[in-house]
Amino acid sequence: MLMTFIIPPQITMMPTFRMYANYGLLGTIRAFVYPAILGQGLNAAIFILIFYSFFKMVPVSLEESAKLDGAGPFKIFTRIALPLAVPAIIIVFLFSFVWYYNETYLSGLFLRGSEMSTLPLLLEQYILNYTSIYPEGSTARELMQAVKLAGNVLTLLPLLILYFFTQRYFVESIDRTGITGE
């Protein structure tokens, strides 16, 4: 797990690209879905640390009382630990969604040659096309700043809506995951 912090993702990019090419994952969304489902996606070690610190803060007395009541390890996990971990699950979902949503380099590498793209990549492509059509100093080029700002707002809108609905859990999970400086 520590090696994922130390080794930059650019080093593992070419072996990953070749492996995805061998499995036929290039040009499809599966190149991002499979690693995310299996916990090996972007910044997976940070998510492991978030869950570790969250579950470390769960009182041992809850587990002991569940054992006294006759619950096994699976029942303790599903009935006690997992419901308590909802804020940590939501913060990991939010972080993962934002990182995958804003990922431009890997999505440009893995999704090239297909009709799929991300909104930040489409916005960048639109801006490049717009600036190539209108020369420097034209009035349409001056309007480009407004177009850029409007495109950025539209690109950020899904993230803002998602955060609006999950902000209570976000703040609660930051409070519970042990980021206190103790």
N, C-alpha and C. Protein backbone atom coordinates (compact mmCIF):
# COMPACT_ATOMS: atom_id res chain seq x y z
N MET A 1 0.83 -1.19 0.00
CA MET A 1 0.00 0.00 0.00
C MET A 1 0.87 1.25 0.00
N LEU A 2 1.97 1.21 0.74
CA LEU A 2 2.86 2.36 0.76
C LEU A 2 3.51 2.60 -0.59
N MET A 3 3.74 1.54 -1.34
CA MET A 3 4.36 1.68 -2.65
C MET A 3 3.46 2.47 -3.62
N THR A 4 2.14 2.39 -3.43
CA THR A 4 1.26 3.16 -4.31
C THR A 4 1.38 4.66 -4.04
N PHE A 5 1.82 5.02 -2.83
CA PHE A 5 2.09 6.43 -2.56
C PHE A 5 3.43 6.85 -3.14
N ILE A 6 4.40 5.94 -3.09
CA ILE A 6 5.77 6.28 -3.49
C ILE A 6 5.93 6.26 -5.00
N ILE A 7 5.41 5.21 -5.66
CA ILE A 7 5.59 5.07 -7.11
C ILE A 7 4.60 5.97 -7.83
N PRO A 8 5.10 6.86 -8.68
CA PRO A 8 4.17 7.72 -9.43
C PRO A 8 3.38 6.91 -10.46
N PRO A 9 2.15 7.30 -10.73
CA PRO A 9 1.33 6.54 -11.67
C PRO A 9 1.87 6.55 -13.10
N GLN A 10 2.74 7.50 -13.43
CA GLN A 10 3.30 7.55 -14.77
C GLN A 10 4.21 6.35 -15.04
N ILE A 11 4.79 5.79 -13.98
CA ILE A 11 5.67 4.63 -14.15
C ILE A 11 4.86 3.38 -14.49
N THR A 12 3.70 3.23 -13.90
CA THR A 12 2.88 2.05 -14.14
C THR A 12 1.92 2.22 -15.31
N MET A 13 1.97 3.37 -15.96
CA MET A 13 1.02 3.66 -17.03
C MET A 13 1.20 2.75 -18.25
N MET A 14 2.42 2.56 -18.70
CA MET A 14 2.64 1.74 -19.89
C MET A 14 2.30 0.27 -19.66
N PRO A 15 2.71 -0.35 -18.55
CA PRO A 15 2.27 -1.73 -18.32
C PRO A 15 0.75 -1.85 -18.21
N THR A 16 0.13 -0.85 -17.61
CA THR A 16 -1.33 -0.87 -17.50
C THR A 16 -1.97 -0.73 -18.88
N PHE A 17 -1.42 0.14 -19.70
CA PHE A 17 -1.93 0.32 -21.06
C PHE A 17 -1.83 -0.98 -21.85
N ARG A 18 -0.70 -1.66 -21.77
CA ARG A 18 -0.51 -2.92 -22.50
C ARG A 18 -1.45 -4.00 -21.98
N MET A 19 -1.63 -4.05 -20.65
CA MET A 19 -2.53 -5.04 -20.08
C MET A 19 -3.97 -4.78 -20.54
N TYR A 20 -4.40 -3.52 -20.52
CA TYR A 20 -5.75 -3.18 -20.98
C TYR A 20 -5.92 -3.49 -22.46
N ALA A 21 -4.86 -3.27 -23.25
CA ALA A 21 -4.92 -3.61 -24.68
C ALA A 21 -5.07 -5.11 -24.87
N ASN A 22 -4.36 -5.91 -24.07
CA ASN A 22 -4.47 -7.37 -24.17
C ASN A 22 -5.85 -7.86 -23.79
N TYR A 23 -6.47 -7.21 -22.80
CA TYR A 23 -7.81 -7.63 -22.35
C TYR A 23 -8.93 -6.97 -23.14
N GLY A 24 -8.61 -6.09 -24.07
CA GLY A 24 -9.63 -5.44 -24.88
C GLY A 24 -10.42 -4.37 -24.15
N LEU A 25 -9.80 -3.72 -23.17
CA LEU A 25 -10.49 -2.70 -22.39
C LEU A 25 -10.29 -1.28 -22.91
N LEU A 26 -9.35 -1.09 -23.82
CA LEU A 26 -9.10 0.26 -24.32
C LEU A 26 -10.28 0.75 -25.16
N GLY A 27 -10.60 2.01 -24.99
CA GLY A 27 -11.70 2.60 -25.73
C GLY A 27 -13.06 2.35 -25.12
N THR A 28 -13.09 1.72 -23.94
CA THR A 28 -14.37 1.45 -23.26
C THR A 28 -14.31 2.02 -21.85
N ILE A 29 -15.45 2.19 -21.27
CA ILE A 29 -15.54 2.69 -19.90
C ILE A 29 -15.08 1.63 -18.90
N ARG A 30 -15.03 0.37 -19.35
CA ARG A 30 -14.59 -0.71 -18.46
C ARG A 30 -13.16 -0.53 -17.99
N ALA A 31 -12.36 0.23 -18.72
CA ALA A 31 -10.98 0.50 -18.30
C ALA A 31 -10.94 1.27 -16.99
N PHE A 32 -12.01 1.97 -16.65
CA PHE A 32 -12.08 2.70 -15.39
C PHE A 32 -12.98 2.00 -14.38
N VAL A 33 -14.02 1.31 -14.85
CA VAL A 33 -14.98 0.68 -13.94
C VAL A 33 -14.38 -0.51 -13.21
N TYR A 34 -13.70 -1.39 -13.93
CA TYR A 34 -13.15 -2.60 -13.30
C TYR A 34 -12.14 -2.28 -12.19
N PRO A 35 -11.17 -1.40 -12.42
CA PRO A 35 -10.26 -1.08 -11.31
C PRO A 35 -10.97 -0.38 -10.14
N ALA A 36 -11.96 0.45 -10.45
CA ALA A 36 -12.67 1.13 -9.37
C ALA A 36 -13.47 0.14 -8.53
N ILE A 37 -14.12 -0.82 -9.16
CA ILE A 37 -14.90 -1.82 -8.42
C ILE A 37 -13.99 -2.70 -7.58
N LEU A 38 -12.84 -3.06 -8.12
CA LEU A 38 -11.91 -3.94 -7.41
C LEU A 38 -11.01 -3.21 -6.43
N GLY A 39 -11.21 -1.92 -6.26
CA GLY A 39 -10.44 -1.16 -5.28
C GLY A 39 -9.03 -0.83 -5.71
N GLN A 40 -8.73 -0.92 -6.99
CA GLN A 40 -7.39 -0.63 -7.46
C GLN A 40 -7.38 0.61 -8.35
N GLY A 41 -8.37 1.45 -8.22
CA GLY A 41 -8.47 2.63 -9.07
C GLY A 41 -7.56 3.74 -8.62
N LEU A 42 -7.88 4.95 -9.03
CA LEU A 42 -7.08 6.11 -8.69
C LEU A 42 -7.06 6.32 -7.19
N ASN A 43 -5.90 6.52 -6.64
CA ASN A 43 -5.73 6.86 -5.23
C ASN A 43 -6.37 5.85 -4.28
N ALA A 44 -6.26 4.57 -4.60
CA ALA A 44 -6.88 3.53 -3.77
C ALA A 44 -6.28 3.48 -2.37
N ALA A 45 -5.01 3.79 -2.22
CA ALA A 45 -4.38 3.73 -0.91
C ALA A 45 -4.97 4.78 0.04
N ILE A 46 -5.34 5.92 -0.48
CA ILE A 46 -5.96 6.95 0.36
C ILE A 46 -7.30 6.45 0.88
N PHE A 47 -8.05 5.74 0.03
CA PHE A 47 -9.34 5.21 0.46
C PHE A 47 -9.16 4.15 1.54
N ILE A 48 -8.14 3.33 1.40
CA ILE A 48 -7.85 2.32 2.42
C ILE A 48 -7.52 3.00 3.74
N LEU A 49 -6.74 4.06 3.71
CA LEU A 49 -6.40 4.77 4.93
C LEU A 49 -7.62 5.45 5.56
N ILE A 50 -8.53 5.95 4.74
CA ILE A 50 -9.75 6.55 5.27
C ILE A 50 -10.58 5.50 5.99
N PHE A 51 -10.77 4.34 5.36
CA PHE A 51 -11.54 3.28 6.01
C PHE A 51 -10.82 2.75 7.25
N TYR A 52 -9.51 2.63 7.18
CA TYR A 52 -8.75 2.13 8.33
C TYR A 52 -8.92 3.06 9.53
N SER A 53 -8.75 4.36 9.30
CA SER A 53 -8.89 5.29 10.42
C SER A 53 -10.32 5.36 10.92
N PHE A 54 -11.29 5.18 10.05
CA PHE A 54 -12.68 5.21 10.48
C PHE A 54 -13.01 3.98 11.34
N PHE A 55 -12.65 2.80 10.85
CA PHE A 55 -12.97 1.58 11.61
C PHE A 55 -12.14 1.47 12.88
N LYS A 56 -10.99 2.12 12.93
CA LYS A 56 -10.19 2.12 14.15
C LYS A 56 -10.87 2.92 15.25
N MET A 57 -11.71 3.89 14.86
CA MET A 57 -12.39 4.72 15.84
C MET A 57 -13.69 4.10 16.37
N VAL A 58 -14.13 3.00 15.76
CA VAL A 58 -15.34 2.32 16.26
C VAL A 58 -15.00 1.67 17.59
N PRO A 59 -15.78 1.92 18.64
CA PRO A 59 -15.46 1.38 19.95
C PRO A 59 -15.47 -0.16 19.97
N VAL A 60 -14.49 -0.71 20.66
CA VAL A 60 -14.38 -2.16 20.78
C VAL A 60 -15.56 -2.72 21.59
N SER A 61 -16.12 -1.90 22.49
CA SER A 61 -17.24 -2.36 23.31
C SER A 61 -18.45 -2.73 22.46
N LEU A 62 -18.64 -2.08 21.31
CA LEU A 62 -19.75 -2.47 20.42
C LEU A 62 -19.54 -3.88 19.88
N GLU A 63 -18.33 -4.18 19.49
CA GLU A 63 -18.03 -5.52 18.98
C GLU A 63 -18.15 -6.56 20.09
N GLU A 64 -17.66 -6.23 21.27
CA GLU A 64 -17.74 -7.17 22.38
C GLU A 64 -19.18 -7.44 22.79
N SER A 65 -20.01 -6.41 22.81
CA SER A 65 -21.41 -6.62 23.19
C SER A 65 -22.14 -7.44 22.13
N ALA A 66 -21.79 -7.26 20.86
CA ALA A 66 -22.40 -8.06 19.80
C ALA A 66 -21.96 -9.52 19.92
N LYS A 67 -20.71 -9.76 20.31
CA LYS A 67 -20.25 -11.14 20.51
C LYS A 67 -20.97 -11.79 21.68
N LEU A 68 -21.22 -11.00 22.73
CA LEU A 68 -21.97 -11.54 23.88
C LEU A 68 -23.40 -11.89 23.50
N ASP A 69 -23.96 -11.15 22.56
CA ASP A 69 -25.31 -11.43 22.10
C ASP A 69 -25.35 -12.58 21.10
N GLY A 70 -24.20 -13.12 20.73
CA GLY A 70 -24.16 -14.29 19.86
C GLY A 70 -23.94 -13.98 18.39
N ALA A 71 -23.52 -12.79 18.07
CA ALA A 71 -23.29 -12.44 16.67
C ALA A 71 -21.90 -12.90 16.24
N GLY A 72 -21.82 -13.39 15.01
CA GLY A 72 -20.55 -13.79 14.43
C GLY A 72 -19.87 -12.62 13.76
N PRO A 73 -18.68 -12.85 13.22
CA PRO A 73 -17.94 -11.75 12.58
C PRO A 73 -18.69 -11.12 11.40
N PHE A 74 -19.36 -11.94 10.57
CA PHE A 74 -20.09 -11.40 9.43
C PHE A 74 -21.26 -10.55 9.88
N LYS A 75 -21.97 -11.00 10.89
CA LYS A 75 -23.13 -10.26 11.40
C LYS A 75 -22.68 -8.96 12.07
N ILE A 76 -21.55 -9.01 12.77
CA ILE A 76 -21.02 -7.80 13.41
C ILE A 76 -20.66 -6.78 12.33
N PHE A 77 -20.05 -7.26 11.26
CA PHE A 77 -19.66 -6.35 10.19
C PHE A 77 -20.87 -5.75 9.49
N THR A 78 -21.86 -6.60 9.14
CA THR A 78 -23.00 -6.11 8.36
C THR A 78 -24.00 -5.33 9.20
N ARG A 79 -24.15 -5.67 10.47
CA ARG A 79 -25.18 -5.02 11.29
C ARG A 79 -24.66 -3.85 12.13
N ILE A 80 -23.36 -3.85 12.44
CA ILE A 80 -22.83 -2.80 13.31
C ILE A 80 -21.83 -1.92 12.56
N ALA A 81 -20.78 -2.53 12.03
CA ALA A 81 -19.70 -1.74 11.44
C ALA A 81 -20.11 -1.04 10.15
N LEU A 82 -20.79 -1.76 9.27
CA LEU A 82 -21.16 -1.17 7.98
C LEU A 82 -22.15 -0.01 8.11
N PRO A 83 -23.20 -0.12 8.93
CA PRO A 83 -24.06 1.07 9.09
C PRO A 83 -23.35 2.26 9.71
N LEU A 84 -22.38 2.00 10.59
CA LEU A 84 -21.61 3.10 11.15
C LEU A 84 -20.67 3.73 10.12
N ALA A 85 -20.31 2.96 9.10
CA ALA A 85 -19.34 3.42 8.11
C ALA A 85 -19.97 4.15 6.94
N VAL A 86 -21.25 4.42 6.98
CA VAL A 86 -21.90 5.11 5.86
C VAL A 86 -21.23 6.45 5.54
N PRO A 87 -20.88 7.28 6.53
CA PRO A 87 -20.18 8.52 6.18
C PRO A 87 -18.83 8.28 5.51
N ALA A 88 -18.09 7.27 5.95
CA ALA A 88 -16.80 6.98 5.30
C ALA A 88 -17.01 6.47 3.88
N ILE A 89 -18.04 5.67 3.66
CA ILE A 89 -18.34 5.17 2.32
C ILE A 89 -18.70 6.33 1.41
N ILE A 90 -19.47 7.27 1.92
CA ILE A 90 -19.87 8.42 1.11
C ILE A 90 -18.68 9.31 0.78
N ILE A 91 -17.78 9.52 1.74
CA ILE A 91 -16.63 10.37 1.44
C ILE A 91 -15.71 9.69 0.43
N VAL A 92 -15.56 8.37 0.52
CA VAL A 92 -14.75 7.65 -0.46
C VAL A 92 -15.42 7.73 -1.83
N PHE A 93 -16.74 7.60 -1.87
CA PHE A 93 -17.45 7.74 -3.13
C PHE A 93 -17.26 9.13 -3.72
N LEU A 94 -17.38 10.17 -2.89
CA LEU A 94 -17.21 11.54 -3.37
C LEU A 94 -15.80 11.78 -3.90
N PHE A 95 -14.80 11.37 -3.14
CA PHE A 95 -13.42 11.56 -3.60
C PHE A 95 -13.18 10.81 -4.89
N SER A 96 -13.64 9.57 -4.95
CA SER A 96 -13.44 8.75 -6.15
C SER A 96 -14.15 9.37 -7.34
N PHE A 97 -15.38 9.82 -7.15
CA PHE A 97 -16.13 10.42 -8.24
C PHE A 97 -15.44 11.67 -8.77
N VAL A 98 -14.97 12.51 -7.85
CA VAL A 98 -14.31 13.75 -8.27
C VAL A 98 -13.00 13.44 -8.98
N TRP A 99 -12.22 12.48 -8.49
CA TRP A 99 -10.95 12.16 -9.15
C TRP A 99 -11.18 11.56 -10.53
N TYR A 100 -12.15 10.66 -10.64
CA TYR A 100 -12.42 10.08 -11.95
C TYR A 100 -13.05 11.11 -12.89
N TYR A 101 -13.87 11.97 -12.36
CA TYR A 101 -14.53 12.99 -13.18
C TYR A 101 -13.52 13.97 -13.75
N ASN A 102 -12.53 14.33 -12.95
CA ASN A 102 -11.53 15.31 -13.38
C ASN A 102 -10.31 14.69 -14.05
N GLU A 103 -10.25 13.38 -14.13
CA GLU A 103 -9.10 12.71 -14.73
C GLU A 103 -9.10 12.96 -16.24
N THR A 104 -8.07 13.64 -16.71
CA THR A 104 -7.99 13.91 -18.14
C THR A 104 -6.87 13.12 -18.81
N TYR A 105 -5.78 12.91 -18.10
CA TYR A 105 -4.64 12.25 -18.74
C TYR A 105 -4.93 10.78 -19.03
N LEU A 106 -5.36 10.04 -18.01
CA LEU A 106 -5.63 8.61 -18.21
C LEU A 106 -6.84 8.39 -19.11
N SER A 107 -7.84 9.25 -18.99
CA SER A 107 -9.00 9.08 -19.87
C SER A 107 -8.63 9.40 -21.32
N GLY A 108 -7.76 10.35 -21.52
CA GLY A 108 -7.28 10.62 -22.87
C GLY A 108 -6.46 9.46 -23.42
N LEU A 109 -5.75 8.76 -22.53
CA LEU A 109 -4.93 7.62 -22.95
C LEU A 109 -5.77 6.38 -23.20
N PHE A 110 -6.67 6.06 -22.26
CA PHE A 110 -7.43 4.82 -22.33
C PHE A 110 -8.66 4.91 -23.24
N LEU A 111 -9.21 6.12 -23.41
CA LEU A 111 -10.44 6.27 -24.20
C LEU A 111 -10.19 6.84 -25.58
N ARG A 112 -8.93 7.04 -25.95
CA ARG A 112 -8.67 7.64 -27.27
C ARG A 112 -9.10 6.67 -28.36
N GLY A 113 -9.55 7.25 -29.45
CA GLY A 113 -10.01 6.43 -30.56
C GLY A 113 -11.44 5.95 -30.40
N SER A 114 -12.11 6.37 -29.34
CA SER A 114 -13.51 5.98 -29.17
C SER A 114 -14.36 7.25 -29.13
N GLU A 115 -15.66 7.06 -29.19
CA GLU A 115 -16.56 8.22 -29.15
C GLU A 115 -16.78 8.71 -27.73
N MET A 116 -16.27 8.00 -26.71
CA MET A 116 -16.44 8.42 -25.32
C MET A 116 -15.37 9.41 -24.92
N SER A 117 -15.75 10.34 -24.05
CA SER A 117 -14.81 11.31 -23.52
C SER A 117 -15.40 11.88 -22.24
N THR A 118 -14.59 12.59 -21.50
CA THR A 118 -15.09 13.25 -20.30
C THR A 118 -15.42 14.70 -20.60
N LEU A 119 -16.21 15.32 -19.74
CA LEU A 119 -16.57 16.72 -19.96
C LEU A 119 -15.36 17.65 -19.95
N PRO A 120 -14.40 17.50 -19.03
CA PRO A 120 -13.23 18.38 -19.10
C PRO A 120 -12.46 18.24 -20.41
N LEU A 121 -12.35 17.02 -20.93
CA LEU A 121 -11.67 16.83 -22.22
C LEU A 121 -12.46 17.45 -23.36
N LEU A 122 -13.77 17.32 -23.34
CA LEU A 122 -14.60 17.93 -24.38
C LEU A 122 -14.52 19.46 -24.33
N LEU A 123 -14.48 20.01 -23.13
CA LEU A 123 -14.35 21.47 -23.00
C LEU A 123 -13.01 21.94 -23.54
N GLU A 124 -11.95 21.21 -23.23
CA GLU A 124 -10.63 21.57 -23.76
C GLU A 124 -10.60 21.49 -25.29
N GLN A 125 -11.22 20.46 -25.83
CA GLN A 125 -11.27 20.30 -27.29
C GLN A 125 -12.08 21.43 -27.93
N TYR A 126 -13.19 21.81 -27.30
CA TYR A 126 -14.02 22.90 -27.82
C TYR A 126 -13.24 24.21 -27.83
N ILE A 127 -12.51 24.49 -26.75
CA ILE A 127 -11.74 25.73 -26.67
C ILE A 127 -10.64 25.74 -27.74
N LEU A 128 -9.96 24.62 -27.94
CA LEU A 128 -8.93 24.55 -28.98
C LEU A 128 -9.52 24.77 -30.37
N ASN A 129 -10.67 24.18 -30.63
CA ASN A 129 -11.32 24.38 -31.93
C ASN A 129 -11.75 25.83 -32.12
N TYR A 130 -12.27 26.44 -31.07
CA TYR A 130 -12.73 27.82 -31.15
C TYR A 130 -11.57 28.77 -31.41
N THR A 131 -10.46 28.56 -30.70
CA THR A 131 -9.31 29.46 -30.89
C THR A 131 -8.64 29.25 -32.25
N SER A 132 -8.76 28.06 -32.84
CA SER A 132 -8.17 27.86 -34.17
C SER A 132 -9.01 28.49 -35.27
N ILE A 133 -10.31 28.64 -35.02
CA ILE A 133 -11.19 29.23 -36.03
C ILE A 133 -11.05 30.76 -36.06
N TYR A 134 -11.02 31.37 -34.87
CA TYR A 134 -10.99 32.83 -34.80
C TYR A 134 -9.57 33.30 -34.49
N PRO A 135 -9.05 34.21 -35.29
CA PRO A 135 -7.67 34.68 -35.10
C PRO A 135 -7.55 35.59 -33.87
N GLU A 136 -6.30 35.80 -33.48
CA GLU A 136 -6.00 36.66 -32.33
C GLU A 136 -6.45 38.09 -32.63
N GLY A 137 -7.09 38.73 -31.64
CA GLY A 137 -7.51 40.12 -31.78
C GLY A 137 -8.92 40.31 -32.32
N SER A 138 -9.60 39.26 -32.75
CA SER A 138 -10.96 39.43 -33.26
C SER A 138 -11.93 39.56 -32.08
N THR A 139 -13.09 40.15 -32.36
CA THR A 139 -14.08 40.34 -31.29
C THR A 139 -14.63 39.00 -30.82
N ALA A 140 -14.72 38.03 -31.72
CA ALA A 140 -15.19 36.71 -31.31
C ALA A 140 -14.19 36.05 -30.36
N ARG A 141 -12.92 36.34 -30.54
CA ARG A 141 -11.90 35.79 -29.65
C ARG A 141 -12.02 36.39 -28.26
N GLU A 142 -12.42 37.67 -28.19
CA GLU A 142 -12.62 38.31 -26.89
C GLU A 142 -13.81 37.71 -26.15
N LEU A 143 -14.79 37.25 -26.89
CA LEU A 143 -15.94 36.59 -26.26
C LEU A 143 -15.59 35.20 -25.73
N MET A 144 -14.42 34.73 -26.12
CA MET A 144 -14.00 33.39 -25.71
C MET A 144 -13.90 33.26 -24.20
N GLN A 145 -13.55 34.31 -23.49
CA GLN A 145 -13.47 34.23 -22.03
C GLN A 145 -14.83 33.89 -21.43
N ALA A 146 -15.88 34.48 -21.97
CA ALA A 146 -17.23 34.17 -21.49
C ALA A 146 -17.59 32.72 -21.81
N VAL A 147 -17.18 32.26 -22.99
CA VAL A 147 -17.46 30.87 -23.37
C VAL A 147 -16.70 29.91 -22.46
N LYS A 148 -15.45 30.24 -22.13
CA LYS A 148 -14.66 29.40 -21.23
C LYS A 148 -15.30 29.32 -19.85
N LEU A 149 -15.71 30.47 -19.34
CA LEU A 149 -16.34 30.48 -18.02
C LEU A 149 -17.65 29.71 -18.02
N ALA A 150 -18.45 29.87 -19.03
CA ALA A 150 -19.71 29.14 -19.12
C ALA A 150 -19.45 27.64 -19.22
N GLY A 151 -18.45 27.24 -20.00
CA GLY A 151 -18.10 25.83 -20.11
C GLY A 151 -17.60 25.27 -18.80
N ASN A 152 -16.81 26.04 -18.05
CA ASN A 152 -16.33 25.58 -16.74
C ASN A 152 -17.47 25.42 -15.75
N VAL A 153 -18.43 26.35 -15.78
CA VAL A 153 -19.58 26.23 -14.88
C VAL A 153 -20.40 24.99 -15.22
N LEU A 154 -20.62 24.75 -16.51
CA LEU A 154 -21.38 23.56 -16.91
C LEU A 154 -20.63 22.27 -16.58
N THR A 155 -19.30 22.32 -16.66
CA THR A 155 -18.50 21.15 -16.33
C THR A 155 -18.53 20.88 -14.83
N LEU A 156 -18.54 21.93 -14.03
CA LEU A 156 -18.54 21.77 -12.57
C LEU A 156 -19.93 21.53 -11.99
N LEU A 157 -20.96 21.78 -12.75
CA LEU A 157 -22.33 21.66 -12.24
C LEU A 157 -22.66 20.27 -11.67
N PRO A 158 -22.33 19.17 -12.34
CA PRO A 158 -22.64 17.87 -11.73
C PRO A 158 -21.94 17.65 -10.38
N LEU A 159 -20.71 18.14 -10.26
CA LEU A 159 -20.00 18.01 -8.98
C LEU A 159 -20.65 18.85 -7.89
N LEU A 160 -21.09 20.04 -8.25
CA LEU A 160 -21.76 20.90 -7.27
C LEU A 160 -23.09 20.31 -6.81
N ILE A 161 -23.83 19.75 -7.74
CA ILE A 161 -25.11 19.12 -7.38
C ILE A 161 -24.88 17.91 -6.48
N LEU A 162 -23.89 17.10 -6.83
CA LEU A 162 -23.56 15.93 -5.99
C LEU A 162 -23.13 16.36 -4.60
N TYR A 163 -22.28 17.36 -4.51
CA TYR A 163 -21.84 17.84 -3.21
C TYR A 163 -22.99 18.45 -2.41
N PHE A 164 -23.90 19.13 -3.08
CA PHE A 164 -25.05 19.72 -2.39
C PHE A 164 -25.88 18.66 -1.67
N PHE A 165 -26.07 17.51 -2.32
CA PHE A 165 -26.89 16.46 -1.72
C PHE A 165 -26.14 15.62 -0.69
N THR A 166 -24.81 15.64 -0.73
CA THR A 166 -24.04 14.79 0.19
C THR A 166 -23.17 15.58 1.15
N GLN A 167 -23.33 16.88 1.24
CA GLN A 167 -22.44 17.68 2.06
C GLN A 167 -22.56 17.35 3.55
N ARG A 168 -23.75 16.97 4.01
CA ARG A 168 -23.92 16.63 5.42
C ARG A 168 -23.06 15.42 5.77
N TYR A 169 -23.09 14.40 4.90
CA TYR A 169 -22.29 13.21 5.13
C TYR A 169 -20.80 13.50 4.97
N PHE A 170 -20.46 14.41 4.07
CA PHE A 170 -19.08 14.77 3.85
C PHE A 170 -18.48 15.38 5.12
N VAL A 171 -19.17 16.34 5.71
CA VAL A 171 -18.68 17.00 6.92
C VAL A 171 -18.65 16.00 8.08
N GLU A 172 -19.67 15.17 8.20
CA GLU A 172 -19.72 14.18 9.26
C GLU A 172 -18.59 13.16 9.12
N SER A 173 -18.28 12.75 7.91
CA SER A 173 -17.23 11.75 7.72
C SER A 173 -15.85 12.35 7.98
N ILE A 174 -15.64 13.60 7.61
CA ILE A 174 -14.37 14.25 7.93
C ILE A 174 -14.21 14.32 9.44
N ASP A 175 -15.30 14.58 10.14
CA ASP A 175 -15.26 14.64 11.60
C ASP A 175 -14.96 13.28 12.21
N ARG A 176 -15.50 12.21 11.62
CA ARG A 176 -15.35 10.88 12.19
C ARG A 176 -14.09 10.14 11.78
N THR A 177 -13.45 10.53 10.68
CA THR A 177 -12.31 9.75 10.19
C THR A 177 -11.01 10.08 10.92
N GLY A 178 -11.05 10.90 11.90
CA GLY A 178 -9.87 11.11 12.72
C GLY A 178 -8.95 12.21 12.25
N ILE A 179 -9.40 13.12 11.44
CA ILE A 179 -8.56 14.22 11.00
C ILE A 179 -8.70 15.32 12.04
N THR A 180 -8.06 15.10 13.21
CA THR A 180 -8.21 16.05 14.29
C THR A 180 -6.87 16.59 14.76
N GLY A 181 -5.78 15.94 14.38
CA GLY A 181 -4.46 16.39 14.82
C GLY A 181 -4.06 15.84 16.15
N GLU A 182 -4.78 14.83 16.64
CA GLU A 182 -4.42 14.26 17.95
C GLU A 182 -3.31 13.26 17.81
